[in-house]
Amino acid sequence: MELKNLESLRIFVGEHVRFGHRPLYEEIVREARQLGMAGATVMKGVLSYGHDLHINTAKIVEFGLNLPMIVELVDTTENIDSFLPMLERMVRDSAERVMITRENVRSGIIE
């Protein structure tokens, strides 16, 4: 198996944040696909807190909370760089904010 030097971009967005009529995390994945990025995965957080220090949890008695959705993209530095301006526009248009992390990764496929 050969490992390539790539980058990981993680986007942390509330599950209730909308872009038009759809959740922002879904639109991020759609845009990444249209741009031909290598792949995207969305994961749901079950417990979190952010800038407001309010704890959000997925406990069954607490409905309607804005739990975090984490969109992870792994691709080349160039493709991540070209994706970021579109992501910024989408976030501004949603009138919300997101947190991103970006790091170097070594990635490969096992067949």
C-alpha atoms as a PDB file:
ATOM      1  CA  MET A   1       0.000   0.000   0.000  1.00  0.00           C
ATOM      2  CA  GLU A   2       1.314   3.394  -0.969  1.00  0.00           C
ATOM      3  CA  LEU A   3       0.603   6.373   1.285  1.00  0.00           C
ATOM      4  CA  LYS A   4       0.265   9.823  -0.267  1.00  0.00           C
ATOM      5  CA  ASN A   5       0.838  13.161   1.431  1.00  0.00           C
ATOM      6  CA  LEU A   6      -2.548  14.894   1.400  1.00  0.00           C
ATOM      7  CA  GLU A   7      -4.530  17.278   3.579  1.00  0.00           C
ATOM      8  CA  SER A   8      -7.599  16.800   5.739  1.00  0.00           C
ATOM      9  CA  LEU A   9     -10.148  19.597   6.063  1.00  0.00           C
ATOM     10  CA  ARG A  10     -12.751  19.233   8.818  1.00  0.00           C
ATOM     11  CA  ILE A  11     -15.762  21.524   8.938  1.00  0.00           C
ATOM     12  CA  PHE A  12     -17.761  21.634  12.172  1.00  0.00           C
ATOM     13  CA  VAL A  13     -21.297  22.899  11.544  1.00  0.00           C
ATOM     14  CA  GLY A  14     -24.524  22.740  13.542  1.00  0.00           C
ATOM     15  CA  GLU A  15     -27.011  20.202  12.202  1.00  0.00           C
ATOM     16  CA  HIS A  16     -29.739  22.879  11.977  1.00  0.00           C
ATOM     17  CA  VAL A  17     -27.684  25.350   9.915  1.00  0.00           C
ATOM     18  CA  ARG A  18     -29.333  25.777   6.525  1.00  0.00           C
ATOM     19  CA  PHE A  19     -28.054  26.818   3.123  1.00  0.00           C
ATOM     20  CA  GLY A  20     -31.181  27.584   1.179  1.00  0.00           C
ATOM     21  CA  HIS A  21     -33.650  24.783   1.865  1.00  0.00           C
ATOM     22  CA  ARG A  22     -31.075  22.108   2.753  1.00  0.00           C
ATOM     23  CA  PRO A  23     -28.694  21.529   5.637  1.00  0.00           C
ATOM     24  CA  LEU A  24     -25.360  23.269   5.089  1.00  0.00           C
ATOM     25  CA  TYR A  25     -23.411  20.035   5.677  1.00  0.00           C
ATOM     26  CA  GLU A  26     -25.279  18.379   2.778  1.00  0.00           C
ATOM     27  CA  GLU A  27     -24.561  21.302   0.479  1.00  0.00           C
ATOM     28  CA  ILE A  28     -20.877  21.227   1.412  1.00  0.00           C
ATOM     29  CA  VAL A  29     -20.703  17.565   0.320  1.00  0.00           C
ATOM     30  CA  ARG A  30     -22.601  18.331  -2.906  1.00  0.00           C
ATOM     31  CA  GLU A  31     -20.220  21.175  -3.768  1.00  0.00           C
ATOM     32  CA  ALA A  32     -17.162  19.047  -2.993  1.00  0.00           C
ATOM     33  CA  ARG A  33     -18.477  16.364  -5.343  1.00  0.00           C
ATOM     34  CA  GLN A  34     -19.198  18.868  -8.104  1.00  0.00           C
ATOM     35  CA  LEU A  35     -15.648  20.192  -7.806  1.00  0.00           C
ATOM     36  CA  GLY A  36     -14.323  16.642  -8.209  1.00  0.00           C
ATOM     37  CA  MET A  37     -12.770  16.395  -4.768  1.00  0.00           C
ATOM     38  CA  ALA A  38     -11.512  12.954  -3.728  1.00  0.00           C
ATOM     39  CA  GLY A  39     -14.250  12.290  -1.155  1.00  0.00           C
ATOM     40  CA  ALA A  40     -16.260  13.582   1.772  1.00  0.00           C
ATOM     41  CA  THR A  41     -17.665  12.014   4.920  1.00  0.00           C
ATOM     42  CA  VAL A  42     -20.163  13.481   7.394  1.00  0.00           C
ATOM     43  CA  MET A  43     -20.169  12.388  11.024  1.00  0.00           C
ATOM     44  CA  LYS A  44     -22.575  13.432  13.771  1.00  0.00           C
ATOM     45  CA  GLY A  45     -21.269  14.505  17.162  1.00  0.00           C
ATOM     46  CA  VAL A  46     -23.082  13.159  20.212  1.00  0.00           C
ATOM     47  CA  LEU A  47     -21.672  15.572  22.792  1.00  0.00           C
ATOM     48  CA  SER A  48     -20.095  18.991  22.269  1.00  0.00           C
ATOM     49  CA  TYR A  49     -19.619  22.536  23.405  1.00  0.00           C
ATOM     50  CA  GLY A  50     -18.298  25.538  21.563  1.00  0.00           C
ATOM     51  CA  HIS A  51     -17.628  29.241  21.909  1.00  0.00           C
ATOM     52  CA  ASP A  52     -20.719  29.769  24.096  1.00  0.00           C
ATOM     53  CA  LEU A  53     -19.649  26.946  26.493  1.00  0.00           C
ATOM     54  CA  HIS A  54     -23.154  25.446  26.268  1.00  0.00           C
ATOM     55  CA  ILE A  55     -23.076  21.615  26.293  1.00  0.00           C
ATOM     56  CA  ASN A  56     -25.076  19.929  23.537  1.00  0.00           C
ATOM     57  CA  THR A  57     -25.867  16.239  23.891  1.00  0.00           C
ATOM     58  CA  ALA A  58     -27.724  13.531  21.980  1.00  0.00           C
ATOM     59  CA  LYS A  59     -29.484  12.181  25.078  1.00  0.00           C
ATOM     60  CA  ILE A  60     -32.958  11.012  24.186  1.00  0.00           C
ATOM     61  CA  VAL A  61     -34.715  13.417  26.573  1.00  0.00           C
ATOM     62  CA  GLU A  62     -33.142  16.464  24.932  1.00  0.00           C
ATOM     63  CA  PHE A  63     -34.659  16.943  21.494  1.00  0.00           C
ATOM     64  CA  GLY A  64     -34.068  19.794  19.113  1.00  0.00           C
ATOM     65  CA  LEU A  65     -30.465  20.545  19.984  1.00  0.00           C
ATOM     66  CA  ASN A  66     -28.079  21.756  17.325  1.00  0.00           C
ATOM     67  CA  LEU A  67     -25.543  18.912  17.520  1.00  0.00           C
ATOM     68  CA  PRO A  68     -22.351  19.213  15.502  1.00  0.00           C
ATOM     69  CA  MET A  69     -21.994  17.675  12.093  1.00  0.00           C
ATOM     70  CA  ILE A  70     -18.391  17.143  11.045  1.00  0.00           C
ATOM     71  CA  VAL A  71     -17.672  17.144   7.320  1.00  0.00           C
ATOM     72  CA  GLU A  72     -14.259  15.697   6.531  1.00  0.00           C
ATOM     73  CA  LEU A  73     -12.572  16.078   3.167  1.00  0.00           C
ATOM     74  CA  VAL A  74      -9.196  14.546   2.283  1.00  0.00           C
ATOM     75  CA  ASP A  75      -7.541  15.799  -0.891  1.00  0.00           C
ATOM     76  CA  THR A  76      -4.526  17.612  -2.266  1.00  0.00           C
ATOM     77  CA  THR A  77      -3.442  20.977  -0.889  1.00  0.00           C
ATOM     78  CA  GLU A  78      -4.374  22.594  -4.201  1.00  0.00           C
ATOM     79  CA  ASN A  79      -7.914  21.162  -4.182  1.00  0.00           C
ATOM     80  CA  ILE A  80      -8.477  22.171  -0.545  1.00  0.00           C
ATOM     81  CA  ASP A  81      -7.183  25.677  -1.362  1.00  0.00           C
ATOM     82  CA  SER A  82      -9.620  25.984  -4.279  1.00  0.00           C
ATOM     83  CA  PHE A  83     -12.531  24.704  -2.142  1.00  0.00           C
ATOM     84  CA  LEU A  84     -12.103  27.190   0.736  1.00  0.00           C
ATOM     85  CA  PRO A  85     -13.395  30.356  -1.030  1.00  0.00           C
ATOM     86  CA  MET A  86     -16.600  28.512  -2.026  1.00  0.00           C
ATOM     87  CA  LEU A  87     -16.989  27.257   1.551  1.00  0.00           C
ATOM     88  CA  GLU A  88     -16.582  30.792   2.902  1.00  0.00           C
ATOM     89  CA  ARG A  89     -19.304  32.079   0.548  1.00  0.00           C
ATOM     90  CA  MET A  90     -21.690  29.302   1.586  1.00  0.00           C
ATOM     91  CA  VAL A  91     -21.126  29.997   5.284  1.00  0.00           C
ATOM     92  CA  ARG A  92     -21.638  33.757   4.827  1.00  0.00           C
ATOM     93  CA  ASP A  93     -24.829  33.104   2.832  1.00  0.00           C
ATOM     94  CA  SER A  94     -26.117  30.839   5.610  1.00  0.00           C
ATOM     95  CA  ALA A  95     -25.650  33.732   8.113  1.00  0.00           C
ATOM     96  CA  GLU A  96     -24.007  31.298  10.539  1.00  0.00           C
ATOM     97  CA  ARG A  97     -20.469  30.361  11.407  1.00  0.00           C
ATOM     98  CA  VAL A  98     -18.468  27.162  11.313  1.00  0.00           C
ATOM     99  CA  MET A  99     -15.131  26.027  12.663  1.00  0.00           C
ATOM    100  CA  ILE A 100     -12.589  24.374  10.394  1.00  0.00           C
ATOM    101  CA  THR A 101      -9.408  22.451  11.042  1.00  0.00           C
ATOM    102  CA  ARG A 102      -6.814  21.639   8.430  1.00  0.00           C
ATOM    103  CA  GLU A 103      -3.886  19.273   8.740  1.00  0.00           C
ATOM    104  CA  ASN A 104      -1.429  17.229   6.758  1.00  0.00           C
ATOM    105  CA  VAL A 105      -2.236  13.514   6.546  1.00  0.00           C
ATOM    106  CA  ARG A 106      -0.800  10.439   4.913  1.00  0.00           C
ATOM    107  CA  SER A 107      -3.552   8.570   3.136  1.00  0.00           C
ATOM    108  CA  GLY A 108      -3.875   5.348   1.207  1.00  0.00           C
ATOM    109  CA  ILE A 109      -6.375   2.772   0.021  1.00  0.00           C
ATOM    110  CA  ILE A 110      -6.272  -0.863   1.132  1.00  0.00           C
ATOM    111  CA  GLU A 111      -7.759  -3.241  -1.429  1.00  0.00           C
END
